[in-house]
Amino acid sequence: MKIFKEMNTIGRIVCPICKTKDQKEVVLIPKVGTGDNPDKNFQNYEAVQVHLDCLNLWFDEKLGIIYQKIGKEKGK
């Protein structure tokens, strides 16, 4: 996973966890279902920028996935 020193703040994109554009280190997380060629290891995906210090990942050994559940704001 490549770490970028700052978030690209062009447009309305925010970190999906903290909902800010703070200039902190970010990683790009691919969005499920956006790849252009599922039969190859390297694909073009749509991705979301996530602040590195917002991540709180869990490993589910049974399912073989690493994840973080992100809560929704009340009323949305």
PDB file of N, CA and C in Angstrom:
ATOM      1  N   MET A   1       0.863  -1.163   0.000  1.00  0.00           N
ATOM      2  CA  MET A   1       0.000   0.000   0.000  1.00  0.00           C
ATOM      3  C   MET A   1       0.908   1.223   0.000  1.00  0.00           C
ATOM      4  N   LYS A   2       0.688   2.085  -0.963  1.00  0.00           N
ATOM      5  CA  LYS A   2       1.493   3.306  -1.068  1.00  0.00           C
ATOM      6  C   LYS A   2       0.879   4.396  -0.197  1.00  0.00           C
ATOM      7  N   ILE A   3       1.735   5.096   0.533  1.00  0.00           N
ATOM      8  CA  ILE A   3       1.306   6.206   1.390  1.00  0.00           C
ATOM      9  C   ILE A   3       1.680   7.514   0.708  1.00  0.00           C
ATOM     10  N   PHE A   4       0.714   8.424   0.613  1.00  0.00           N
ATOM     11  CA  PHE A   4       0.933   9.742   0.039  1.00  0.00           C
ATOM     12  C   PHE A   4       1.017  10.759   1.172  1.00  0.00           C
ATOM     13  N   LYS A   5       1.914  11.722   1.052  1.00  0.00           N
ATOM     14  CA  LYS A   5       2.156  12.684   2.131  1.00  0.00           C
ATOM     15  C   LYS A   5       0.972  13.593   2.428  1.00  0.00           C
ATOM     16  N   GLU A   6       0.173  13.904   1.400  1.00  0.00           N
ATOM     17  CA  GLU A   6      -0.960  14.810   1.586  1.00  0.00           C
ATOM     18  C   GLU A   6      -2.149  14.354   0.762  1.00  0.00           C
ATOM     19  N   MET A   7      -3.321  14.737   1.211  1.00  0.00           N
ATOM     20  CA  MET A   7      -4.558  14.457   0.483  1.00  0.00           C
ATOM     21  C   MET A   7      -4.671  15.394  -0.712  1.00  0.00           C
ATOM     22  N   ASN A   8      -5.173  14.886  -1.816  1.00  0.00           N
ATOM     23  CA  ASN A   8      -5.515  15.722  -2.962  1.00  0.00           C
ATOM     24  C   ASN A   8      -6.866  16.362  -2.630  1.00  0.00           C
ATOM     25  N   THR A   9      -6.874  17.647  -2.402  1.00  0.00           N
ATOM     26  CA  THR A   9      -8.084  18.329  -1.930  1.00  0.00           C
ATOM     27  C   THR A   9      -8.894  18.989  -3.041  1.00  0.00           C
ATOM     28  N   ILE A  10      -8.553  18.715  -4.282  1.00  0.00           N
ATOM     29  CA  ILE A  10      -9.331  19.276  -5.393  1.00  0.00           C
ATOM     30  C   ILE A  10     -10.703  18.613  -5.403  1.00  0.00           C
ATOM     31  N   GLY A  11     -11.734  19.410  -5.553  1.00  0.00           N
ATOM     32  CA  GLY A  11     -13.099  18.883  -5.585  1.00  0.00           C
ATOM     33  C   GLY A  11     -13.682  18.709  -4.191  1.00  0.00           C
ATOM     34  N   ARG A  12     -14.732  17.896  -4.123  1.00  0.00           N
ATOM     35  CA  ARG A  12     -15.452  17.762  -2.851  1.00  0.00           C
ATOM     36  C   ARG A  12     -15.087  16.491  -2.078  1.00  0.00           C
ATOM     37  N   ILE A  13     -14.071  15.781  -2.531  1.00  0.00           N
ATOM     38  CA  ILE A  13     -13.673  14.523  -1.905  1.00  0.00           C
ATOM     39  C   ILE A  13     -13.153  14.765  -0.488  1.00  0.00           C
ATOM     40  N   VAL A  14     -13.640  13.947   0.448  1.00  0.00           N
ATOM     41  CA  VAL A  14     -13.172  13.991   1.836  1.00  0.00           C
ATOM     42  C   VAL A  14     -12.848  12.569   2.287  1.00  0.00           C
ATOM     43  N   CYS A  15     -12.123  12.445   3.376  1.00  0.00           N
ATOM     44  CA  CYS A  15     -11.864  11.142   3.975  1.00  0.00           C
ATOM     45  C   CYS A  15     -13.217  10.561   4.413  1.00  0.00           C
ATOM     46  N   PRO A  16     -13.543   9.332   4.028  1.00  0.00           N
ATOM     47  CA  PRO A  16     -14.846   8.774   4.378  1.00  0.00           C
ATOM     48  C   PRO A  16     -15.016   8.461   5.863  1.00  0.00           C
ATOM     49  N   ILE A  17     -13.918   8.499   6.618  1.00  0.00           N
ATOM     50  CA  ILE A  17     -14.004   8.190   8.045  1.00  0.00           C
ATOM     51  C   ILE A  17     -14.201   9.460   8.873  1.00  0.00           C
ATOM     52  N   CYS A  18     -13.317  10.451   8.706  1.00  0.00           N
ATOM     53  CA  CYS A  18     -13.407  11.674   9.519  1.00  0.00           C
ATOM     54  C   CYS A  18     -14.169  12.797   8.826  1.00  0.00           C
ATOM     55  N   LYS A  19     -14.466  12.623   7.532  1.00  0.00           N
ATOM     56  CA  LYS A  19     -15.230  13.594   6.736  1.00  0.00           C
ATOM     57  C   LYS A  19     -14.526  14.944   6.594  1.00  0.00           C
ATOM     58  N   THR A  20     -13.173  14.943   6.589  1.00  0.00           N
ATOM     59  CA  THR A  20     -12.417  16.184   6.412  1.00  0.00           C
ATOM     60  C   THR A  20     -11.452  16.064   5.243  1.00  0.00           C
ATOM     61  N   LYS A  21     -10.847  17.202   4.894  1.00  0.00           N
ATOM     62  CA  LYS A  21      -9.796  17.268   3.878  1.00  0.00           C
ATOM     63  C   LYS A  21      -8.456  17.619   4.530  1.00  0.00           C
ATOM     64  N   ASP A  22      -8.278  17.248   5.782  1.00  0.00           N
ATOM     65  CA  ASP A  22      -7.047  17.586   6.493  1.00  0.00           C
ATOM     66  C   ASP A  22      -5.819  17.122   5.714  1.00  0.00           C
ATOM     67  N   GLN A  23      -4.798  17.964   5.707  1.00  0.00           N
ATOM     68  CA  GLN A  23      -3.566  17.650   4.986  1.00  0.00           C
ATOM     69  C   GLN A  23      -2.691  16.721   5.832  1.00  0.00           C
ATOM     70  N   LYS A  24      -3.036  15.438   5.790  1.00  0.00           N
ATOM     71  CA  LYS A  24      -2.287  14.398   6.495  1.00  0.00           C
ATOM     72  C   LYS A  24      -2.008  13.285   5.500  1.00  0.00           C
ATOM     73  N   GLU A  25      -1.188  12.324   5.901  1.00  0.00           N
ATOM     74  CA  GLU A  25      -0.876  11.188   5.040  1.00  0.00           C
ATOM     75  C   GLU A  25      -2.142  10.417   4.697  1.00  0.00           C
ATOM     76  N   VAL A  26      -2.231   9.967   3.439  1.00  0.00           N
ATOM     77  CA  VAL A  26      -3.391   9.199   2.978  1.00  0.00           C
ATOM     78  C   VAL A  26      -2.935   7.956   2.224  1.00  0.00           C
ATOM     79  N   VAL A  27      -3.851   7.006   2.126  1.00  0.00           N
ATOM     80  CA  VAL A  27      -3.688   5.847   1.261  1.00  0.00           C
ATOM     81  C   VAL A  27      -4.897   5.803   0.344  1.00  0.00           C
ATOM     82  N   LEU A  28      -4.734   5.171  -0.809  1.00  0.00           N
ATOM     83  CA  LEU A  28      -5.844   4.998  -1.739  1.00  0.00           C
ATOM     84  C   LEU A  28      -6.419   3.601  -1.539  1.00  0.00           C
ATOM     85  N   ILE A  29      -7.717   3.529  -1.294  1.00  0.00           N
ATOM     86  CA  ILE A  29      -8.405   2.266  -1.091  1.00  0.00           C
ATOM     87  C   ILE A  29      -9.320   2.045  -2.298  1.00  0.00           C
ATOM     88  N   PRO A  30      -9.120   0.957  -3.067  1.00  0.00           N
ATOM     89  CA  PRO A  30      -9.976   0.697  -4.230  1.00  0.00           C
ATOM     90  C   PRO A  30     -11.421   0.425  -3.812  1.00  0.00           C
ATOM     91  N   LYS A  31     -12.356   0.894  -4.645  1.00  0.00           N
ATOM     92  CA  LYS A  31     -13.780   0.641  -4.412  1.00  0.00           C
ATOM     93  C   LYS A  31     -14.172  -0.677  -5.073  1.00  0.00           C
ATOM     94  N   VAL A  32     -14.862  -1.520  -4.337  1.00  0.00           N
ATOM     95  CA  VAL A  32     -15.325  -2.810  -4.857  1.00  0.00           C
ATOM     96  C   VAL A  32     -16.227  -2.584  -6.071  1.00  0.00           C
ATOM     97  N   GLY A  33     -16.026  -3.375  -7.108  1.00  0.00           N
ATOM     98  CA  GLY A  33     -16.887  -3.329  -8.292  1.00  0.00           C
ATOM     99  C   GLY A  33     -16.523  -2.276  -9.316  1.00  0.00           C
ATOM    100  N   THR A  34     -15.377  -1.598  -9.135  1.00  0.00           N
ATOM    101  CA  THR A  34     -15.016  -0.548 -10.086  1.00  0.00           C
ATOM    102  C   THR A  34     -13.854  -0.929 -10.989  1.00  0.00           C
ATOM    103  N   GLY A  35     -13.324  -2.138 -10.869  1.00  0.00           N
ATOM    104  CA  GLY A  35     -12.183  -2.559 -11.685  1.00  0.00           C
ATOM    105  C   GLY A  35     -12.557  -2.757 -13.135  1.00  0.00           C
ATOM    106  N   ASP A  36     -11.588  -2.551 -14.025  1.00  0.00           N
ATOM    107  CA  ASP A  36     -11.883  -2.652 -15.447  1.00  0.00           C
ATOM    108  C   ASP A  36     -11.593  -4.029 -16.043  1.00  0.00           C
ATOM    109  N   ASN A  37     -10.901  -4.905 -15.310  1.00  0.00           N
ATOM    110  CA  ASN A  37     -10.607  -6.233 -15.836  1.00  0.00           C
ATOM    111  C   ASN A  37     -10.400  -7.211 -14.681  1.00  0.00           C
ATOM    112  N   PRO A  38     -11.448  -7.871 -14.228  1.00  0.00           N
ATOM    113  CA  PRO A  38     -11.348  -8.742 -13.054  1.00  0.00           C
ATOM    114  C   PRO A  38     -10.488  -9.976 -13.254  1.00  0.00           C
ATOM    115  N   ASP A  39     -10.098 -10.325 -14.502  1.00  0.00           N
ATOM    116  CA  ASP A  39      -9.293 -11.509 -14.754  1.00  0.00           C
ATOM    117  C   ASP A  39      -7.795 -11.256 -14.610  1.00  0.00           C
ATOM    118  N   LYS A  40      -7.405 -10.029 -14.394  1.00  0.00           N
ATOM    119  CA  LYS A  40      -5.979  -9.700 -14.280  1.00  0.00           C
ATOM    120  C   LYS A  40      -5.675  -9.195 -12.877  1.00  0.00           C
ATOM    121  N   ASN A  41      -4.402  -9.353 -12.461  1.00  0.00           N
ATOM    122  CA  ASN A  41      -3.992  -8.898 -11.132  1.00  0.00           C
ATOM    123  C   ASN A  41      -3.931  -7.380 -11.034  1.00  0.00           C
ATOM    124  N   PHE A  42      -3.583  -6.718 -12.121  1.00  0.00           N
ATOM    125  CA  PHE A  42      -3.462  -5.267 -12.092  1.00  0.00           C
ATOM    126  C   PHE A  42      -4.621  -4.665 -12.859  1.00  0.00           C
ATOM    127  N   GLN A  43      -5.386  -3.859 -12.177  1.00  0.00           N
ATOM    128  CA  GLN A  43      -6.570  -3.256 -12.771  1.00  0.00           C
ATOM    129  C   GLN A  43      -6.575  -1.769 -12.489  1.00  0.00           C
ATOM    130  N   ASN A  44      -7.407  -1.057 -13.240  1.00  0.00           N
ATOM    131  CA  ASN A  44      -7.690   0.333 -12.915  1.00  0.00           C
ATOM    132  C   ASN A  44      -8.954   0.346 -12.085  1.00  0.00           C
ATOM    133  N   TYR A  45      -8.863   0.909 -10.908  1.00  0.00           N
ATOM    134  CA  TYR A  45      -9.992   1.003  -9.999  1.00  0.00           C
ATOM    135  C   TYR A  45     -10.291   2.452  -9.682  1.00  0.00           C
ATOM    136  N   GLU A  46     -11.536   2.728  -9.361  1.00  0.00           N
ATOM    137  CA  GLU A  46     -11.868   3.987  -8.714  1.00  0.00           C
ATOM    138  C   GLU A  46     -11.466   3.785  -7.255  1.00  0.00           C
ATOM    139  N   ALA A  47     -10.871   4.798  -6.649  1.00  0.00           N
ATOM    140  CA  ALA A  47     -10.388   4.661  -5.268  1.00  0.00           C
ATOM    141  C   ALA A  47     -10.802   5.858  -4.434  1.00  0.00           C
ATOM    142  N   VAL A  48     -10.743   5.678  -3.131  1.00  0.00           N
ATOM    143  CA  VAL A  48     -11.061   6.739  -2.191  1.00  0.00           C
ATOM    144  C   VAL A  48      -9.818   7.014  -1.347  1.00  0.00           C
ATOM    145  N   GLN A  49      -9.577   8.299  -1.056  1.00  0.00           N
ATOM    146  CA  GLN A  49      -8.455   8.685  -0.203  1.00  0.00           C
ATOM    147  C   GLN A  49      -8.878   8.556   1.263  1.00  0.00           C
ATOM    148  N   VAL A  50      -8.061   7.883   2.049  1.00  0.00           N
ATOM    149  CA  VAL A  50      -8.353   7.702   3.471  1.00  0.00           C
ATOM    150  C   VAL A  50      -7.130   8.134   4.269  1.00  0.00           C
ATOM    151  N   HIS A  51      -7.341   8.992   5.267  1.00  0.00           N
ATOM    152  CA  HIS A  51      -6.223   9.383   6.131  1.00  0.00           C
ATOM    153  C   HIS A  51      -5.663   8.148   6.827  1.00  0.00           C
ATOM    154  N   LEU A  52      -4.361   8.020   6.804  1.00  0.00           N
ATOM    155  CA  LEU A  52      -3.706   6.871   7.410  1.00  0.00           C
ATOM    156  C   LEU A  52      -4.037   6.758   8.898  1.00  0.00           C
ATOM    157  N   ASP A  53      -4.075   7.885   9.591  1.00  0.00           N
ATOM    158  CA  ASP A  53      -4.344   7.817  11.033  1.00  0.00           C
ATOM    159  C   ASP A  53      -5.828   7.635  11.367  1.00  0.00           C
ATOM    160  N   CYS A  54      -6.694   7.617  10.367  1.00  0.00           N
ATOM    161  CA  CYS A  54      -8.114   7.313  10.591  1.00  0.00           C
ATOM    162  C   CYS A  54      -8.389   5.809  10.530  1.00  0.00           C
ATOM    163  N   LEU A  55      -7.454   5.061   9.961  1.00  0.00           N
ATOM    164  CA  LEU A  55      -7.676   3.627   9.806  1.00  0.00           C
ATOM    165  C   LEU A  55      -7.606   2.903  11.146  1.00  0.00           C
ATOM    166  N   ASN A  56      -8.538   2.000  11.350  1.00  0.00           N
ATOM    167  CA  ASN A  56      -8.581   1.134  12.529  1.00  0.00           C
ATOM    168  C   ASN A  56      -9.019  -0.245  12.024  1.00  0.00           C
ATOM    169  N   LEU A  57      -8.079  -0.944  11.393  1.00  0.00           N
ATOM    170  CA  LEU A  57      -8.392  -2.166  10.664  1.00  0.00           C
ATOM    171  C   LEU A  57      -8.509  -3.388  11.561  1.00  0.00           C
ATOM    172  N   TRP A  58      -9.346  -4.333  11.103  1.00  0.00           N
ATOM    173  CA  TRP A  58      -9.551  -5.613  11.775  1.00  0.00           C
ATOM    174  C   TRP A  58      -9.296  -6.717  10.760  1.00  0.00           C
ATOM    175  N   PHE A  59      -8.842  -7.880  11.246  1.00  0.00           N
ATOM    176  CA  PHE A  59      -8.601  -9.041  10.390  1.00  0.00           C
ATOM    177  C   PHE A  59      -9.567 -10.142  10.780  1.00  0.00           C
ATOM    178  N   ASP A  60     -10.348 -10.603   9.809  1.00  0.00           N
ATOM    179  CA  ASP A  60     -11.260 -11.731  10.026  1.00  0.00           C
ATOM    180  C   ASP A  60     -10.614 -12.946   9.361  1.00  0.00           C
ATOM    181  N   GLU A  61      -9.992 -13.777  10.185  1.00  0.00           N
ATOM    182  CA  GLU A  61      -9.248 -14.927   9.672  1.00  0.00           C
ATOM    183  C   GLU A  61     -10.169 -15.926   8.966  1.00  0.00           C
ATOM    184  N   LYS A  62     -11.373 -16.094   9.482  1.00  0.00           N
ATOM    185  CA  LYS A  62     -12.326 -17.037   8.903  1.00  0.00           C
ATOM    186  C   LYS A  62     -12.709 -16.626   7.475  1.00  0.00           C
ATOM    187  N   LEU A  63     -12.988 -15.335   7.277  1.00  0.00           N
ATOM    188  CA  LEU A  63     -13.370 -14.833   5.952  1.00  0.00           C
ATOM    189  C   LEU A  63     -12.177 -14.459   5.083  1.00  0.00           C
ATOM    190  N   GLY A  64     -11.004 -14.304   5.703  1.00  0.00           N
ATOM    191  CA  GLY A  64      -9.810 -13.919   4.956  1.00  0.00           C
ATOM    192  C   GLY A  64      -9.861 -12.487   4.462  1.00  0.00           C
ATOM    193  N   ILE A  65     -10.420 -11.584   5.284  1.00  0.00           N
ATOM    194  CA  ILE A  65     -10.496 -10.181   4.878  1.00  0.00           C
ATOM    195  C   ILE A  65      -9.965  -9.266   5.985  1.00  0.00           C
ATOM    196  N   ILE A  66      -9.447  -8.141   5.560  1.00  0.00           N
ATOM    197  CA  ILE A  66      -9.075  -7.051   6.457  1.00  0.00           C
ATOM    198  C   ILE A  66     -10.090  -5.952   6.190  1.00  0.00           C
ATOM    199  N   TYR A  67     -10.653  -5.385   7.251  1.00  0.00           N
ATOM    200  CA  TYR A  67     -11.734  -4.423   7.047  1.00  0.00           C
ATOM    201  C   TYR A  67     -11.789  -3.391   8.168  1.00  0.00           C
ATOM    202  N   GLN A  68     -12.590  -2.368   7.910  1.00  0.00           N
ATOM    203  CA  GLN A  68     -12.964  -1.388   8.917  1.00  0.00           C
ATOM    204  C   GLN A  68     -14.406  -0.993   8.646  1.00  0.00           C
ATOM    205  N   LYS A  69     -15.248  -1.161   9.633  1.00  0.00           N
ATOM    206  CA  LYS A  69     -16.632  -0.745   9.496  1.00  0.00           C
ATOM    207  C   LYS A  69     -16.704   0.746   9.781  1.00  0.00           C
ATOM    208  N   ILE A  70     -17.355   1.472   8.890  1.00  0.00           N
ATOM    209  CA  ILE A  70     -17.493   2.917   9.053  1.00  0.00           C
ATOM    210  C   ILE A  70     -18.947   3.217   9.372  1.00  0.00           C
ATOM    211  N   GLY A  71     -19.193   3.820  10.513  1.00  0.00           N
ATOM    212  CA  GLY A  71     -20.549   4.141  10.922  1.00  0.00           C
ATOM    213  C   GLY A  71     -21.141   5.262  10.102  1.00  0.00           C
ATOM    214  N   LYS A  72     -22.454   5.286  10.024  1.00  0.00           N
ATOM    215  CA  LYS A  72     -23.155   6.354   9.320  1.00  0.00           C
ATOM    216  C   LYS A  72     -23.590   7.398  10.321  1.00  0.00           C
ATOM    217  N   GLU A  73     -23.646   8.631   9.849  1.00  0.00           N
ATOM    218  CA  GLU A  73     -24.147   9.717  10.703  1.00  0.00           C
ATOM    219  C   GLU A  73     -25.637   9.543  10.919  1.00  0.00           C
ATOM    220  N   LYS A  74     -26.121  10.004  12.061  1.00  0.00           N
ATOM    221  CA  LYS A  74     -27.542   9.927  12.351  1.00  0.00           C
ATOM    222  C   LYS A  74     -28.338  10.703  11.307  1.00  0.00           C
ATOM    223  N   GLY A  75     -29.465  10.123  10.900  1.00  0.00           N
ATOM    224  CA  GLY A  75     -30.339  10.799   9.949  1.00  0.00           C
ATOM    225  C   GLY A  75     -29.950  10.623   8.499  1.00  0.00           C
ATOM    226  N   LYS A  76     -28.927   9.796   8.232  1.00  0.00           N
ATOM    227  CA  LYS A  76     -28.508   9.596   6.834  1.00  0.00           C
ATOM    228  C   LYS A  76     -28.582   8.152   6.459  1.00  0.00           C
TER     229      LYS A  76
END
